[in-house]
Each structure stands twice: as structure tokens, then as C-alpha cells.
Amino acid sequence: MIERTNSADIEDSVKSTLTDFLGDERGDDLIEYALLCGLMGAIGVVAFPDIADKMSAAYSEWVSSAKDAWEPCPPAPASCP
């Protein structure tokens, strides 16, 4: 047999469930960290192309200056300083 419930009981049940759900703070930290990680990821996706070009230019400059600073040793029998 199907029980009939009135709309006031259903409304009270929905209000009670929503109040319990909104008042429950378990998992809030996890959600905040997930949102923070998502924001950082989005910023990284937007900023990486510009940063990648600057990093490439800086590394290329460092490599060329390191190559220019290197002085090979003279052939044997002379020794390196």
C-alpha cells in the first residue's frame, strides 16, 4: 500500500536535508585546495607561453656565454693551468 504524505511533510524534509547539507563542513578544505590547484593550473596555462620564450632566450644566452668563456688546453706536452 502506498502512503500518502502531505506537502508540508515533504517541505519540512527538504528543508531539513538542505540545512544539514549546508551546515556540514566536512570536506571544505579539500574543495578549497582543489579550487586553488585549478586556479594555479589555469594561470600556468595562460602564462607558460610567455615564460617559455624568456626561459629559452636566457638559457641560450647562458650556453653561448659559457662556450665563449671556455678555453681548451693546449696540445700535449704542455699542461693546463
C-alpha atoms as a PDB file:
ATOM      1  CA  MET A   1       0.000   0.000   0.000  1.00  0.00           C
ATOM      2  CA  ILE A   2       1.278   3.459  -0.880  1.00  0.00           C
ATOM      3  CA  GLU A   3       1.323   6.026   1.897  1.00  0.00           C
ATOM      4  CA  ARG A   4       0.257   9.498   1.069  1.00  0.00           C
ATOM      5  CA  THR A   5       2.257  12.334   2.531  1.00  0.00           C
ATOM      6  CA  ASN A   6       1.211  15.903   2.597  1.00  0.00           C
ATOM      7  CA  SER A   7       3.264  18.667   1.068  1.00  0.00           C
ATOM      8  CA  ALA A   8       4.163  20.139   4.481  1.00  0.00           C
ATOM      9  CA  ASP A   9       5.955  16.910   5.453  1.00  0.00           C
ATOM     10  CA  ILE A  10       7.856  16.880   2.167  1.00  0.00           C
ATOM     11  CA  GLU A  11       8.745  20.563   2.537  1.00  0.00           C
ATOM     12  CA  ASP A  12       9.993  20.015   6.092  1.00  0.00           C
ATOM     13  CA  SER A  13      12.032  17.028   4.940  1.00  0.00           C
ATOM     14  CA  VAL A  14      13.639  19.013   2.108  1.00  0.00           C
ATOM     15  CA  LYS A  15      14.381  21.948   4.413  1.00  0.00           C
ATOM     16  CA  SER A  16      15.916  19.635   6.996  1.00  0.00           C
ATOM     17  CA  THR A  17      18.056  17.899   4.389  1.00  0.00           C
ATOM     18  CA  LEU A  18      19.272  21.177   2.891  1.00  0.00           C
ATOM     19  CA  THR A  19      20.027  22.636   6.323  1.00  0.00           C
ATOM     20  CA  ASP A  20      22.044  19.548   7.249  1.00  0.00           C
ATOM     21  CA  PHE A  21      23.866  19.598   3.904  1.00  0.00           C
ATOM     22  CA  LEU A  22      24.745  23.293   4.023  1.00  0.00           C
ATOM     23  CA  GLY A  23      25.764  23.144   7.680  1.00  0.00           C
ATOM     24  CA  ASP A  24      28.095  20.181   7.171  1.00  0.00           C
ATOM     25  CA  GLU A  25      31.655  21.478   6.797  1.00  0.00           C
ATOM     26  CA  ARG A  26      33.400  18.171   6.210  1.00  0.00           C
ATOM     27  CA  GLY A  27      35.416  18.266   3.000  1.00  0.00           C
ATOM     28  CA  ASP A  28      35.591  22.054   2.773  1.00  0.00           C
ATOM     29  CA  ASP A  29      39.391  22.028   2.867  1.00  0.00           C
ATOM     30  CA  LEU A  30      39.547  19.544   0.034  1.00  0.00           C
ATOM     31  CA  ILE A  31      37.290  21.679  -2.126  1.00  0.00           C
ATOM     32  CA  GLU A  32      39.328  24.803  -1.361  1.00  0.00           C
ATOM     33  CA  TYR A  33      42.587  23.064  -2.291  1.00  0.00           C
ATOM     34  CA  ALA A  34      41.032  21.710  -5.488  1.00  0.00           C
ATOM     35  CA  LEU A  35      39.857  25.194  -6.470  1.00  0.00           C
ATOM     36  CA  LEU A  36      43.293  26.625  -5.667  1.00  0.00           C
ATOM     37  CA  CYS A  37      45.012  23.963  -7.783  1.00  0.00           C
ATOM     38  CA  GLY A  38      42.616  24.616 -10.642  1.00  0.00           C
ATOM     39  CA  LEU A  39      43.292  28.338 -10.468  1.00  0.00           C
ATOM     40  CA  MET A  40      47.047  27.801 -10.407  1.00  0.00           C
ATOM     41  CA  GLY A  41      46.789  25.432 -13.362  1.00  0.00           C
ATOM     42  CA  ALA A  42      44.765  27.934 -15.374  1.00  0.00           C
ATOM     43  CA  ILE A  43      47.284  30.687 -14.615  1.00  0.00           C
ATOM     44  CA  GLY A  44      50.098  28.358 -15.661  1.00  0.00           C
ATOM     45  CA  VAL A  45      48.413  27.559 -18.974  1.00  0.00           C
ATOM     46  CA  VAL A  46      47.946  31.258 -19.691  1.00  0.00           C
ATOM     47  CA  ALA A  47      51.416  32.378 -18.565  1.00  0.00           C
ATOM     48  CA  PHE A  48      53.583  29.487 -19.787  1.00  0.00           C
ATOM     49  CA  PRO A  49      53.969  30.506 -23.449  1.00  0.00           C
ATOM     50  CA  ASP A  50      55.444  33.878 -22.460  1.00  0.00           C
ATOM     51  CA  ILE A  51      57.646  32.371 -19.758  1.00  0.00           C
ATOM     52  CA  ALA A  52      58.850  29.587 -22.073  1.00  0.00           C
ATOM     53  CA  ASP A  53      60.179  32.094 -24.629  1.00  0.00           C
ATOM     54  CA  LYS A  54      62.002  34.079 -21.939  1.00  0.00           C
ATOM     55  CA  MET A  55      63.475  30.915 -20.411  1.00  0.00           C
ATOM     56  CA  SER A  56      64.653  29.725 -23.813  1.00  0.00           C
ATOM     57  CA  ALA A  57      66.333  33.064 -24.554  1.00  0.00           C
ATOM     58  CA  ALA A  58      68.022  33.128 -21.124  1.00  0.00           C
ATOM     59  CA  TYR A  59      69.283  29.549 -21.482  1.00  0.00           C
ATOM     60  CA  SER A  60      70.586  30.194 -24.994  1.00  0.00           C
ATOM     61  CA  GLU A  61      72.427  33.278 -23.757  1.00  0.00           C
ATOM     62  CA  TRP A  62      73.919  31.303 -20.856  1.00  0.00           C
ATOM     63  CA  VAL A  63      75.081  28.489 -23.153  1.00  0.00           C
ATOM     64  CA  SER A  64      76.714  30.876 -25.612  1.00  0.00           C
ATOM     65  CA  SER A  65      78.493  32.808 -22.844  1.00  0.00           C
ATOM     66  CA  ALA A  66      79.707  29.527 -21.311  1.00  0.00           C
ATOM     67  CA  LYS A  67      81.063  28.395 -24.681  1.00  0.00           C
ATOM     68  CA  ASP A  68      82.818  31.746 -25.173  1.00  0.00           C
ATOM     69  CA  ALA A  69      84.424  31.547 -21.710  1.00  0.00           C
ATOM     70  CA  TRP A  70      85.871  28.053 -22.216  1.00  0.00           C
ATOM     71  CA  GLU A  71      89.494  27.913 -23.264  1.00  0.00           C
ATOM     72  CA  PRO A  72      90.733  24.485 -24.288  1.00  0.00           C
ATOM     73  CA  CYS A  73      94.070  23.213 -23.063  1.00  0.00           C
ATOM     74  CA  PRO A  74      96.981  23.332 -25.495  1.00  0.00           C
ATOM     75  CA  PRO A  75      98.050  20.052 -27.056  1.00  0.00           C
ATOM     76  CA  ALA A  76     100.378  17.755 -25.091  1.00  0.00           C
ATOM     77  CA  PRO A  77     103.153  18.008 -23.727  1.00  0.00           C
ATOM     78  CA  ALA A  78     102.042  21.388 -22.381  1.00  0.00           C
ATOM     79  CA  SER A  79      99.846  21.325 -19.301  1.00  0.00           C
ATOM     80  CA  CYS A  80      96.647  23.143 -18.488  1.00  0.00           C
ATOM     81  CA  PRO A  81      96.821  25.983 -15.989  1.00  0.00           C
END
